[in-house]
Amino acid sequence: MVELPDDTKRDRTSVELFAGGGGLAMAVHRAGFRPLLFNEFNARACETLEANAKRTLGGDGIRRTEAVDPQPPAAGEPAPLFPLDVTKLNLSAFEGQVDVLAGGPPCQPFSAGGVAKGDEDKRNMFPAMFQAIRQMRPKAVICENVRGLLRPSFKEYFTYIQRELALPFESRNPKDIWQDHNRKLAGILGDAIDLPDGDENPDHYRVKLFPVNAADYGVPQVRNRIVMVAFRADLPIDSDKFYEIYSARQFSEESLLLSMVDDDGEYWQRHPKVPSHVRDRVRARIPKDVRALKGEEELPAWRTLRDAVQGYGTGSKLPALPEVDLGLLDRKTEQAADIGITDHIGWPDARIYKGHTPNEMDRPAKTVKAGVHGVPGGESVVLLDKLAPGSKPGEDATYQHRYMTVRETARVMTFPDEWQGSGPRGEKMRQLGNAVPVALGEFFARAVADTLDKAGQ
């Protein structure tokens, strides 16, 4: 596992666009970056950012401003939050003061769960990212998005996005279609996407693409995404070496399976109260050849939904969330108030049917999505340890189920328990589904900070 520093050496600064509920912003702050500005258009998400500013985004807080020409705050001053259309924002005053620009442009144009119009979709905000780069000239850029950008139907356009990130100052004429601009950029770069060796132009960026599964980075969730990291070409940074080091997965599915293949395995020692019929069901699904890997557990095990609920994350142990009372689902009753945790509230009418399969406690959760009420495809339904009435242990056993609570979902996204979402349940779930898991974002933010340190930047 790559060892990252506990803290960074300099007073690093960041700007966060499309901040949403604050996942990537939290991650960047934890990696040692002081926020200079946040941007978010959604009203509820802005309320969430304000509510959580001092707890999770930096002790200096946030102040709303509709000034289209904001000024960077001094250390100790609250960071401005611009709640309007990002395309109206002029960040020229931040030029030369930003270490990292971070953001996840809205992914609906490219998501398998969206309309998938790509460049034609007015929600495509990649052009706004490139505009911010031209205005601020940050040392590094971290950009997260859906794996759908790698689909064959988007291949040409995604290549264009990477070329734009490499050459952001070669701005596109508003009258040109993107294909024309792509040909112009290709004429500069050739058939490649990377800059040629020796290019130290401060208007250029060296781009590295990381297709990731968040479970491989300690997130208790299977979440396939892409992370793009770009460094300004005039900085003495070996981007190929950066990719070689930080593309390696940090957690392992094989280690998880090995930890539970035996009844006295490490996983079951961590969760001793799991009924034997549940252990038997889980172990029966482990590939028989996994025992051949015994003794080769080089990486920590994937984290599971049960780990998240019981408070076993990648850091210090959290309080276990209490069992949700299935008799209180219609009452919307807080069920963790006695331990100071909010949003652990049941929700009625969860269903399982073909194509709507639930999460299982002893696997990483399915991808948290931001669909209707946050529950498309069964992603927010969880299978419990209790047998359904009349069912008996065995291969055909059926189990009780319910919707995951907001707090359980936040833990699956590696949000801290002090995070408070604004709005009704569906809105909180939408914010979580649109977010970057904090642990995933922090890994790459710390990698960027460490790399800048080693480069004397």
Protein backbone atom coordinates (compact mmCIF):
# COMPACT_ATOMS: atom_id res chain seq x y z
CA MET A 1 0.00 0.00 0.00
CA VAL A 2 1.33 3.45 -0.91
CA GLU A 3 2.14 5.47 2.20
CA LEU A 4 0.81 9.01 2.01
CA PRO A 5 1.86 11.78 4.40
CA ASP A 6 -0.29 12.55 7.43
CA ASP A 7 -0.25 16.19 6.46
CA THR A 8 1.22 18.38 3.80
CA LYS A 9 4.17 20.69 4.29
CA ARG A 10 2.81 23.93 2.85
CA ASP A 11 -0.22 26.17 3.16
CA ARG A 12 -1.87 24.65 0.11
CA THR A 13 -4.94 26.20 -1.49
CA SER A 14 -7.87 24.88 -3.50
CA VAL A 15 -10.91 25.93 -5.49
CA GLU A 16 -13.89 23.58 -5.74
CA LEU A 17 -16.40 23.74 -8.60
CA PHE A 18 -19.65 21.70 -8.64
CA ALA A 19 -19.12 21.04 -4.93
CA GLY A 20 -22.50 19.35 -4.36
CA GLY A 21 -22.81 17.91 -0.86
CA GLY A 22 -19.09 18.37 -0.27
CA GLY A 23 -17.47 14.93 -0.76
CA LEU A 24 -14.52 16.02 -2.87
CA ALA A 25 -14.27 19.32 -1.01
CA MET A 26 -13.95 17.41 2.28
CA ALA A 27 -11.34 15.16 0.72
CA VAL A 28 -9.22 18.05 -0.56
CA HIS A 29 -9.43 19.86 2.77
CA ARG A 30 -8.38 16.69 4.65
CA ALA A 31 -5.36 16.48 2.37
CA GLY A 32 -4.21 19.87 3.66
CA PHE A 33 -5.64 22.35 1.15
CA ARG A 34 -7.23 25.60 2.36
CA PRO A 35 -10.38 26.36 0.36
CA LEU A 36 -10.42 29.69 -1.47
CA LEU A 37 -13.81 29.32 -3.16
CA PHE A 38 -16.71 26.92 -3.59
CA ASN A 39 -19.22 26.87 -6.42
CA GLU A 40 -22.52 24.97 -6.40
CA PHE A 41 -25.74 25.76 -8.26
CA ASN A 42 -28.24 23.52 -6.41
CA ALA A 43 -29.94 25.42 -3.56
CA ARG A 44 -30.17 22.45 -1.18
CA ALA A 45 -26.56 21.49 -1.76
CA CYS A 46 -25.53 25.07 -0.99
CA GLU A 47 -27.40 24.80 2.30
CA THR A 48 -25.54 21.56 3.01
CA LEU A 49 -22.17 23.19 2.32
CA GLU A 50 -23.02 26.08 4.64
CA ALA A 51 -24.25 23.74 7.39
CA ASN A 52 -21.09 21.63 7.24
CA ALA A 53 -18.48 24.28 6.49
CA LYS A 54 -16.80 24.54 9.88
CA ARG A 55 -17.22 20.83 10.70
CA THR A 56 -15.93 19.24 7.51
CA LEU A 57 -14.67 21.86 5.04
CA GLY A 58 -12.29 23.94 7.10
CA GLY A 59 -12.61 25.97 10.28
CA ASP A 60 -12.82 29.32 8.50
CA GLY A 61 -16.35 28.69 7.25
CA ILE A 62 -18.21 29.81 4.13
CA ARG A 63 -19.91 33.03 3.09
CA ARG A 64 -22.31 33.29 0.18
CA THR A 65 -21.60 35.81 -2.52
CA GLU A 66 -23.21 36.52 -5.86
CA ALA A 67 -20.26 38.65 -6.94
CA VAL A 68 -19.16 37.34 -10.33
CA ASP A 69 -15.63 38.67 -9.69
CA PRO A 70 -14.84 37.27 -6.22
CA GLN A 71 -11.57 37.85 -4.43
CA PRO A 72 -9.55 35.07 -2.75
CA PRO A 73 -9.86 35.16 1.05
CA ALA A 74 -6.88 35.61 3.31
CA ALA A 75 -6.01 32.86 5.78
CA GLY A 76 -8.58 32.92 8.58
CA GLU A 77 -11.33 34.40 6.42
CA PRO A 78 -14.35 32.38 5.22
CA ALA A 79 -14.24 31.09 1.66
CA PRO A 80 -16.81 32.54 -0.74
CA LEU A 81 -19.60 30.25 -1.97
CA PHE A 82 -20.88 31.25 -5.41
CA PRO A 83 -24.40 29.76 -5.74
CA LEU A 84 -25.13 30.79 -9.33
CA ASP A 85 -24.28 29.62 -12.85
CA VAL A 86 -20.56 28.80 -12.91
CA THR A 87 -20.23 30.08 -16.47
CA LYS A 88 -20.82 33.61 -15.14
CA LEU A 89 -17.94 33.31 -12.66
CA ASN A 90 -14.72 35.22 -13.31
CA LEU A 91 -11.83 33.76 -11.30
CA SER A 92 -9.05 35.89 -12.74
CA ALA A 93 -8.26 37.34 -9.30
CA PHE A 94 -7.20 33.84 -8.23
CA GLU A 95 -4.49 33.48 -10.89
CA GLY A 96 -1.24 32.20 -9.42
CA GLN A 97 -2.79 31.52 -5.99
CA VAL A 98 -4.38 28.09 -6.50
CA ASP A 99 -2.58 24.81 -5.97
CA VAL A 100 -5.44 22.55 -7.03
CA LEU A 101 -8.70 23.04 -8.88
CA ALA A 102 -11.05 20.20 -8.01
CA GLY A 103 -14.49 19.29 -9.26
CA GLY A 104 -16.80 16.73 -10.73
CA PRO A 105 -18.67 18.33 -13.63
CA PRO A 106 -22.29 17.10 -13.70
CA CYS A 107 -22.21 13.54 -14.96
CA GLN A 108 -25.77 13.07 -16.23
CA PRO A 109 -24.80 13.72 -19.87
CA PHE A 110 -22.49 10.69 -19.76
CA SER A 111 -24.07 8.43 -17.13
CA ALA A 112 -25.59 5.06 -17.95
CA GLY A 113 -28.45 6.13 -15.71
CA GLY A 114 -29.01 9.42 -17.54
CA VAL A 115 -30.14 10.52 -20.96
CA ALA A 116 -26.57 10.16 -22.28
CA LYS A 117 -26.60 13.05 -24.75
CA GLY A 118 -22.98 13.83 -24.02
CA ASP A 119 -21.73 17.04 -25.58
CA GLU A 120 -25.21 17.98 -26.78
CA ASP A 121 -26.53 18.04 -23.22
CA LYS A 122 -26.67 21.53 -21.73
CA ARG A 123 -25.64 20.02 -18.37
CA ASN A 124 -22.16 19.25 -19.75
CA MET A 125 -19.96 21.47 -17.57
CA PHE A 126 -16.51 20.44 -18.77
CA PRO A 127 -16.21 23.73 -20.71
CA ALA A 128 -16.66 25.59 -17.41
CA MET A 129 -13.74 23.65 -15.90
CA PHE A 130 -11.51 24.65 -18.79
CA GLN A 131 -12.60 28.28 -18.45
CA ALA A 132 -11.61 28.21 -14.76
CA ILE A 133 -8.21 26.75 -15.65
CA ARG A 134 -7.58 29.56 -18.13
CA GLN A 135 -8.52 32.15 -15.52
CA MET A 136 -6.57 30.71 -12.55
CA ARG A 137 -3.76 28.63 -14.04
CA PRO A 138 -3.75 26.16 -11.08
CA LYS A 139 -0.75 23.93 -10.47
CA ALA A 140 -2.93 20.81 -10.59
CA VAL A 141 -6.45 19.72 -11.50
CA ILE A 142 -8.45 16.82 -10.04
CA CYS A 143 -11.58 15.91 -11.96
CA GLU A 144 -13.91 12.97 -11.19
CA ASN A 145 -16.67 11.65 -13.41
CA VAL A 146 -18.64 8.55 -14.35
CA ARG A 147 -17.13 5.54 -16.11
CA GLY A 148 -19.71 6.13 -18.85
CA LEU A 149 -17.23 8.48 -20.51
CA LEU A 150 -15.27 5.37 -21.51
CA ARG A 151 -18.22 3.90 -23.43
CA PRO A 152 -17.55 3.47 -27.16
CA SER A 153 -20.23 6.02 -28.03
CA PHE A 154 -18.32 8.70 -26.11
CA LYS A 155 -14.77 7.63 -26.97
CA GLU A 156 -14.09 10.39 -29.48
CA TYR A 157 -15.62 13.08 -27.31
CA PHE A 158 -13.77 11.91 -24.20
CA THR A 159 -10.50 12.02 -26.14
CA TYR A 160 -11.44 15.59 -26.97
CA ILE A 161 -12.01 16.36 -23.26
CA GLN A 162 -8.54 15.07 -22.40
CA ARG A 163 -7.00 17.13 -25.20
CA GLU A 164 -8.82 20.22 -23.95
CA LEU A 165 -7.48 19.60 -20.45
CA ALA A 166 -3.96 19.27 -21.88
CA LEU A 167 -4.33 22.46 -23.94
CA PRO A 168 -6.93 24.58 -22.09
CA PHE A 169 -5.68 27.88 -23.47
CA GLU A 170 -6.44 26.77 -27.01
CA SER A 171 -9.99 27.93 -26.42
CA ARG A 172 -12.84 26.94 -28.71
CA ASN A 173 -14.53 29.43 -30.98
CA PRO A 174 -18.20 29.56 -29.94
CA LYS A 175 -19.15 29.15 -33.60
CA ASP A 176 -17.14 25.93 -33.98
CA ILE A 177 -18.55 22.49 -33.34
CA TRP A 178 -16.47 20.38 -30.98
CA GLN A 179 -15.28 18.09 -33.80
CA ASP A 180 -13.58 21.06 -35.48
CA HIS A 181 -11.88 22.10 -32.26
CA ASN A 182 -10.80 18.51 -31.64
CA ARG A 183 -9.10 18.42 -35.02
CA LYS A 184 -7.29 21.64 -34.13
CA LEU A 185 -6.02 20.19 -30.84
CA ALA A 186 -5.05 16.93 -32.52
CA GLY A 187 -3.03 18.96 -34.98
CA ILE A 188 -1.00 20.31 -32.07
CA LEU A 189 -0.65 17.05 -30.14
CA GLY A 190 -0.64 14.63 -33.04
CA ASP A 191 -2.55 11.41 -32.57
CA ALA A 192 -1.50 11.28 -28.90
CA ILE A 193 -3.25 12.81 -25.92
CA ASP A 194 -0.13 13.30 -23.80
CA LEU A 195 2.13 16.28 -24.27
CA PRO A 196 5.44 15.52 -25.98
CA ASP A 197 8.53 15.09 -23.82
CA GLY A 198 10.24 18.37 -23.08
CA ASP A 199 7.07 20.48 -23.27
CA GLU A 200 7.32 22.94 -20.36
CA ASN A 201 4.75 25.44 -21.57
CA PRO A 202 2.87 26.90 -18.54
CA ASP A 203 -0.28 27.00 -20.70
CA HIS A 204 -0.18 23.20 -21.06
CA TYR A 205 -1.06 20.37 -18.65
CA ARG A 206 0.08 16.77 -18.42
CA VAL A 207 -3.03 14.63 -18.02
CA LYS A 208 -3.32 11.18 -16.45
CA LEU A 209 -6.49 9.13 -16.48
CA PHE A 210 -7.30 6.70 -13.65
CA PRO A 211 -10.23 4.30 -14.18
CA VAL A 212 -11.02 3.32 -10.59
CA ASN A 213 -13.30 1.16 -8.50
CA ALA A 214 -13.77 3.01 -5.21
CA ALA A 215 -13.71 -0.31 -3.33
CA ASP A 216 -10.04 -0.61 -4.30
CA TYR A 217 -9.38 2.59 -2.32
CA GLY A 218 -11.08 1.63 0.95
CA VAL A 219 -14.64 2.72 0.12
CA PRO A 220 -17.26 0.15 1.20
CA GLN A 221 -18.96 0.41 -2.18
CA VAL A 222 -18.44 -0.86 -5.71
CA ARG A 223 -18.31 2.45 -7.56
CA ASN A 224 -16.61 2.57 -10.95
CA ARG A 225 -15.47 6.04 -11.90
CA ILE A 226 -12.72 7.90 -13.72
CA VAL A 227 -10.37 10.34 -12.05
CA MET A 228 -8.33 12.71 -14.19
CA VAL A 229 -5.29 14.39 -12.63
CA ALA A 230 -3.40 17.07 -14.52
CA PHE A 231 -0.21 18.95 -13.61
CA ARG A 232 0.93 22.18 -15.23
CA ALA A 233 3.65 21.34 -17.72
CA ASP A 234 6.18 23.89 -16.41
CA LEU A 235 6.36 22.11 -13.04
CA PRO A 236 9.19 19.57 -12.55
CA ILE A 237 6.83 16.61 -12.16
CA ASP A 238 7.16 13.19 -13.77
CA SER A 239 3.50 12.47 -14.56
CA ASP A 240 4.32 8.96 -15.81
CA LYS A 241 5.86 8.16 -12.42
CA PHE A 242 2.84 9.68 -10.71
CA TYR A 243 0.57 7.34 -12.64
CA GLU A 244 2.77 4.33 -11.94
CA ILE A 245 2.64 4.94 -8.18
CA TYR A 246 -0.95 6.01 -7.68
CA SER A 247 -2.78 3.79 -10.16
CA ALA A 248 -2.09 0.76 -7.96
CA ARG A 249 -5.13 -0.43 -6.02
CA GLN A 250 -4.92 -0.07 -2.26
CA PHE A 251 -7.49 -2.65 -1.09
CA SER A 252 -8.27 -6.14 -2.39
CA GLU A 253 -11.37 -8.23 -3.02
CA GLU A 254 -9.24 -11.37 -2.74
CA SER A 255 -8.17 -10.36 0.77
CA LEU A 256 -11.81 -9.92 1.73
CA LEU A 257 -12.73 -13.39 0.48
CA LEU A 258 -9.75 -14.93 2.23
CA SER A 259 -10.72 -13.22 5.49
CA MET A 260 -14.15 -14.90 5.44
CA VAL A 261 -13.52 -18.28 3.78
CA ASP A 262 -12.99 -19.94 7.18
CA ASP A 263 -15.53 -19.72 9.97
CA ASP A 264 -12.88 -18.30 12.30
CA GLY A 265 -11.53 -15.89 9.66
CA GLU A 266 -10.56 -12.31 10.48
CA TYR A 267 -13.77 -10.92 8.99
CA TRP A 268 -16.02 -13.06 11.21
CA GLN A 269 -13.86 -12.28 14.24
CA ARG A 270 -14.64 -8.62 13.56
CA HIS A 271 -18.35 -9.43 13.28
CA PRO A 272 -18.94 -12.24 15.80
CA LYS A 273 -22.71 -11.69 16.07
CA VAL A 274 -23.45 -12.65 12.45
CA PRO A 275 -25.78 -15.69 12.53
CA SER A 276 -24.27 -18.97 11.39
CA HIS A 277 -26.82 -19.37 8.58
CA VAL A 278 -25.72 -15.99 7.16
CA ARG A 279 -22.05 -17.01 7.37
CA ASP A 280 -22.84 -20.26 5.62
CA ARG A 281 -24.68 -18.43 2.83
CA VAL A 282 -21.80 -15.98 2.33
CA ARG A 283 -19.10 -18.66 2.40
CA ALA A 284 -21.00 -20.88 -0.04
CA ARG A 285 -20.62 -18.17 -2.69
CA ILE A 286 -16.86 -17.77 -2.32
CA PRO A 287 -14.99 -19.32 -5.30
CA LYS A 288 -13.46 -22.63 -4.29
CA ASP A 289 -10.05 -21.74 -5.71
CA VAL A 290 -9.67 -18.71 -3.43
CA ARG A 291 -7.91 -20.87 -0.81
CA ALA A 292 -4.98 -21.17 -3.21
CA LEU A 293 -4.27 -17.49 -2.44
CA LYS A 294 -3.87 -18.09 1.29
CA GLY A 295 -0.75 -16.35 2.54
CA GLU A 296 -0.74 -13.84 -0.33
CA GLU A 297 -2.89 -11.17 1.33
CA GLU A 298 -0.63 -8.24 0.48
CA LEU A 299 -3.36 -5.59 0.61
CA PRO A 300 -6.05 -4.80 3.18
CA ALA A 301 -9.44 -6.34 2.50
CA TRP A 302 -12.25 -4.55 0.73
CA ARG A 303 -14.62 -2.96 3.23
CA THR A 304 -18.21 -4.20 3.29
CA LEU A 305 -21.58 -2.64 4.04
CA ARG A 306 -21.50 -4.43 7.40
CA ASP A 307 -18.10 -2.85 8.12
CA ALA A 308 -19.57 0.59 7.39
CA VAL A 309 -22.65 0.06 9.56
CA GLN A 310 -20.57 -1.35 12.42
CA GLY A 311 -18.07 1.52 12.20
CA TYR A 312 -15.06 -0.27 10.73
CA GLY A 313 -13.64 2.09 8.15
CA THR A 314 -10.16 2.97 6.99
CA GLY A 315 -9.51 5.10 10.06
CA SER A 316 -10.49 4.97 13.73
CA LYS A 317 -13.45 2.86 14.86
CA LEU A 318 -16.81 4.66 14.75
CA PRO A 319 -19.85 3.82 16.89
CA ALA A 320 -21.91 0.96 15.49
CA LEU A 321 -25.23 2.16 14.12
CA PRO A 322 -28.14 0.64 16.02
CA GLU A 323 -30.39 -1.89 14.30
CA VAL A 324 -33.32 -0.19 12.58
CA ASP A 325 -36.64 -1.15 14.17
CA LEU A 326 -38.76 -2.48 11.31
CA GLY A 327 -41.88 -1.65 13.33
CA LEU A 328 -41.02 2.06 13.19
CA LEU A 329 -40.52 2.50 9.44
CA ASP A 330 -43.77 4.47 9.04
CA ARG A 331 -42.95 6.79 11.94
CA LYS A 332 -39.74 8.33 10.55
CA THR A 333 -38.11 8.03 13.99
CA GLU A 334 -34.46 8.87 14.65
CA GLN A 335 -32.84 5.68 15.90
CA ALA A 336 -29.31 6.79 16.80
CA ALA A 337 -30.01 10.00 18.71
CA ASP A 338 -28.73 8.46 21.94
CA ILE A 339 -25.23 8.20 20.44
CA GLY A 340 -25.36 11.66 18.85
CA ILE A 341 -25.85 10.49 15.25
CA THR A 342 -28.59 11.85 13.00
CA ASP A 343 -30.34 10.65 9.82
CA HIS A 344 -30.48 7.01 10.91
CA ILE A 345 -34.19 6.82 10.12
CA GLY A 346 -36.14 3.94 8.62
CA TRP A 347 -38.22 4.28 5.47
CA PRO A 348 -41.19 2.09 4.47
CA ASP A 349 -42.20 0.11 1.37
CA ALA A 350 -38.84 -1.33 0.26
CA ARG A 351 -39.35 -4.03 -2.36
CA ILE A 352 -37.26 -6.73 -4.02
CA TYR A 353 -38.13 -7.99 -7.48
CA LYS A 354 -36.44 -9.00 -10.69
CA GLY A 355 -33.92 -6.36 -11.70
CA HIS A 356 -34.23 -4.73 -8.27
CA THR A 357 -31.83 -6.79 -6.19
CA PRO A 358 -30.70 -5.59 -2.77
CA ASN A 359 -27.37 -4.84 -1.17
CA GLU A 360 -25.84 -7.64 0.89
CA MET A 361 -24.24 -6.83 4.20
CA ASP A 362 -21.05 -8.83 3.59
CA ARG A 363 -20.12 -7.25 0.27
CA PRO A 364 -19.30 -3.66 -0.58
CA ALA A 365 -22.53 -1.81 -1.25
CA LYS A 366 -23.81 -1.33 -4.77
CA THR A 367 -23.17 2.05 -6.37
CA VAL A 368 -25.04 4.82 -4.57
CA LYS A 369 -26.99 6.66 -7.25
CA ALA A 370 -28.81 9.95 -7.44
CA GLY A 371 -31.91 8.70 -9.23
CA VAL A 372 -35.55 9.10 -8.29
CA HIS A 373 -35.62 9.19 -4.46
CA GLY A 374 -32.07 7.85 -4.57
CA VAL A 375 -33.24 4.25 -4.93
CA PRO A 376 -33.01 3.12 -8.58
CA GLY A 377 -32.33 -0.56 -9.24
CA GLY A 378 -32.38 -1.56 -5.57
CA GLU A 379 -29.19 0.31 -4.72
CA SER A 380 -30.75 1.58 -1.47
CA VAL A 381 -32.36 -1.69 -0.38
CA VAL A 382 -30.42 -3.91 2.01
CA LEU A 383 -30.87 -7.59 2.83
CA LEU A 384 -30.94 -8.18 6.58
CA ASP A 385 -29.68 -11.06 8.70
CA LYS A 386 -33.17 -12.03 9.84
CA LEU A 387 -35.02 -14.74 7.94
CA ALA A 388 -38.36 -13.76 6.45
CA PRO A 389 -41.40 -15.15 8.33
CA GLY A 390 -41.83 -18.83 7.53
CA SER A 391 -38.41 -19.19 5.85
CA LYS A 392 -35.76 -21.64 7.02
CA PRO A 393 -31.97 -21.56 6.60
CA GLY A 394 -30.71 -23.04 3.36
CA GLU A 395 -30.05 -22.31 -0.29
CA ASP A 396 -33.63 -21.12 -0.89
CA ALA A 397 -33.93 -19.05 2.29
CA THR A 398 -35.47 -15.61 2.04
CA TYR A 399 -34.53 -12.71 4.28
CA GLN A 400 -36.13 -9.53 5.52
CA HIS A 401 -35.12 -6.28 3.83
CA ARG A 402 -35.51 -2.54 4.11
CA TYR A 403 -34.23 0.70 2.64
CA MET A 404 -30.83 1.90 3.82
CA THR A 405 -30.94 4.97 6.01
CA VAL A 406 -29.34 8.24 4.96
CA ARG A 407 -26.66 7.75 7.60
CA GLU A 408 -25.82 4.26 6.38
CA THR A 409 -25.58 5.64 2.85
CA ALA A 410 -23.31 8.46 4.03
CA ARG A 411 -21.01 5.90 5.66
CA VAL A 412 -20.93 3.93 2.42
CA MET A 413 -19.75 7.17 0.78
CA THR A 414 -17.17 7.53 3.62
CA PHE A 415 -18.74 10.80 4.80
CA PRO A 416 -18.14 11.52 8.50
CA ASP A 417 -21.07 11.14 10.90
CA GLU A 418 -21.04 14.89 11.58
CA TRP A 419 -22.05 15.53 7.95
CA GLN A 420 -25.60 16.90 7.79
CA GLY A 421 -27.47 16.88 4.49
CA SER A 422 -30.03 19.60 3.83
CA GLY A 423 -33.57 18.92 2.68
CA PRO A 424 -35.85 15.87 2.74
CA ARG A 425 -34.59 12.30 2.53
CA GLY A 426 -34.70 12.12 -1.27
CA GLU A 427 -32.62 15.28 -1.58
CA LYS A 428 -30.01 14.03 0.90
CA MET A 429 -29.77 10.76 -1.03
CA ARG A 430 -29.41 12.70 -4.29
CA GLN A 431 -26.52 14.70 -2.85
CA LEU A 432 -24.80 11.54 -1.65
CA GLY A 433 -25.36 9.77 -4.98
CA ASN A 434 -23.79 12.68 -6.87
CA ALA A 435 -20.81 12.96 -4.52
CA VAL A 436 -17.23 11.74 -4.68
CA PRO A 437 -16.54 9.25 -1.84
CA VAL A 438 -14.38 11.12 0.64
CA ALA A 439 -11.80 8.33 0.99
CA LEU A 440 -11.35 8.10 -2.79
CA GLY A 441 -10.98 11.85 -3.22
CA GLU A 442 -8.60 12.12 -0.28
CA PHE A 443 -6.29 9.48 -1.72
CA PHE A 444 -5.80 11.46 -4.94
CA ALA A 445 -5.70 14.86 -3.20
CA ARG A 446 -2.93 13.63 -0.88
CA ALA A 447 -1.13 12.15 -3.86
CA VAL A 448 -1.21 15.56 -5.57
CA ALA A 449 -0.05 17.38 -2.41
CA ASP A 450 2.80 14.91 -1.88
CA THR A 451 3.87 15.21 -5.51
CA LEU A 452 3.86 19.01 -5.38
CA ASP A 453 5.92 18.88 -2.18
CA LYS A 454 8.51 16.60 -3.69
CA ALA A 455 8.72 18.93 -6.71
CA GLY A 456 9.38 21.92 -4.45
CA GLN A 457 6.04 23.41 -5.40
